[in-house]
Amino acid sequence: MRVIPLDEKDRRELSISVKKIIGQLQSIGLIIENNKIDDQTFTQLLAVKGGASKICKEIISRGVLTQLDKYSSEELDRALEIIFKL
């Protein structure tokens, strides 16, 4: 699949979102290492899952959908498969 084009603002915003998810995962890792799992741990895990799905959708909407005419039908089929998994 070809590279999905994003402008500088989009890359910066998505990078910040990824860093937030990394921070959440590190926090969850410490909770697990210290055997302090509680109901908030699951809330944090669901937030990570939701954040990752949001990033995928944003990349697709900001990149692929603005460039539809430049993708082959096979590439678009692969993009749709990813969308439907979200």
Protein backbone atom coordinates (compact mmCIF):
# COMPACT_ATOMS: atom_id res chain seq x y z
CA MET A 1 0.00 0.00 0.00
CA ARG A 2 1.24 3.49 -0.75
CA VAL A 3 2.10 6.10 1.84
CA ILE A 4 -0.93 8.04 3.09
CA PRO A 5 -0.31 11.76 2.59
CA LEU A 6 -0.82 13.97 5.65
CA ASP A 7 0.00 17.63 6.07
CA GLU A 8 2.20 18.94 8.91
CA LYS A 9 -0.74 19.90 11.15
CA ASP A 10 -2.35 16.45 10.79
CA ARG A 11 0.95 14.68 11.49
CA ARG A 12 1.50 16.80 14.60
CA GLU A 13 -2.02 16.19 15.94
CA LEU A 14 -1.87 12.45 15.27
CA SER A 15 1.61 12.23 16.82
CA ILE A 16 0.29 13.87 20.00
CA SER A 17 -2.59 11.37 20.09
CA VAL A 18 -0.17 8.45 19.74
CA LYS A 19 2.01 9.82 22.55
CA LYS A 20 -1.05 10.02 24.82
CA ILE A 21 -1.83 6.38 24.10
CA ILE A 22 1.78 5.41 24.82
CA GLY A 23 1.54 7.23 28.16
CA GLN A 24 -1.68 5.41 29.00
CA LEU A 25 -0.12 2.05 28.11
CA GLN A 26 2.94 2.79 30.25
CA SER A 27 0.65 3.64 33.16
CA ILE A 28 -1.30 0.41 32.65
CA GLY A 29 1.98 -1.51 32.50
CA LEU A 30 2.99 -0.11 35.90
CA ILE A 31 -0.40 -0.97 37.36
CA ILE A 32 -0.02 -4.56 36.18
CA GLU A 33 3.61 -4.81 37.35
CA ASN A 34 2.59 -3.57 40.80
CA ASN A 35 -0.43 -5.91 40.90
CA LYS A 36 -2.86 -3.03 41.45
CA ILE A 37 -5.41 -3.90 38.77
CA ASP A 38 -8.88 -2.49 39.47
CA ASP A 39 -11.93 -1.39 37.52
CA GLN A 40 -10.13 1.79 36.41
CA THR A 41 -7.54 -0.37 34.65
CA PHE A 42 -10.22 -1.65 32.29
CA THR A 43 -11.45 1.89 31.73
CA GLN A 44 -7.93 2.92 30.76
CA LEU A 45 -7.56 -0.08 28.43
CA LEU A 46 -10.83 0.81 26.71
CA ALA A 47 -9.62 4.39 26.34
CA VAL A 48 -6.46 3.11 24.64
CA LYS A 49 -8.52 0.95 22.30
CA GLY A 50 -10.84 3.87 21.49
CA GLY A 51 -7.90 6.21 20.96
CA ALA A 52 -6.20 3.80 18.57
CA SER A 53 -9.42 3.36 16.59
CA LYS A 54 -9.85 7.13 16.43
CA ILE A 55 -6.32 7.56 15.09
CA CYS A 56 -6.96 4.94 12.40
CA LYS A 57 -10.17 6.68 11.36
CA GLU A 58 -8.46 10.08 11.32
CA ILE A 59 -5.62 8.82 9.12
CA ILE A 60 -8.09 7.29 6.71
CA SER A 61 -10.33 10.34 6.59
CA ARG A 62 -7.50 12.88 6.38
CA GLY A 63 -5.32 10.89 4.02
CA VAL A 64 -7.02 8.24 1.95
CA LEU A 65 -10.42 9.84 1.51
CA THR A 66 -8.94 13.12 0.27
CA GLN A 67 -6.92 11.24 -2.35
CA LEU A 68 -9.42 8.62 -3.58
CA ASP A 69 -8.72 9.23 -7.25
CA LYS A 70 -5.02 8.37 -6.77
CA TYR A 71 -5.57 4.88 -5.33
CA SER A 72 -6.10 1.64 -7.20
CA SER A 73 -9.19 -0.43 -6.51
CA GLU A 74 -7.02 -2.98 -4.67
CA GLU A 75 -5.63 -0.28 -2.37
CA LEU A 76 -9.11 1.05 -1.71
CA ASP A 77 -10.34 -2.48 -0.96
CA ARG A 78 -7.55 -2.87 1.63
CA ALA A 79 -8.45 0.50 3.17
CA LEU A 80 -12.10 -0.55 3.41
CA GLU A 81 -11.14 -3.81 5.08
CA ILE A 82 -9.31 -1.81 7.74
CA ILE A 83 -12.24 0.56 8.17
CA PHE A 84 -14.68 -2.30 8.67
CA LYS A 85 -12.41 -3.86 11.33
CA LEU A 86 -12.63 -0.65 13.37
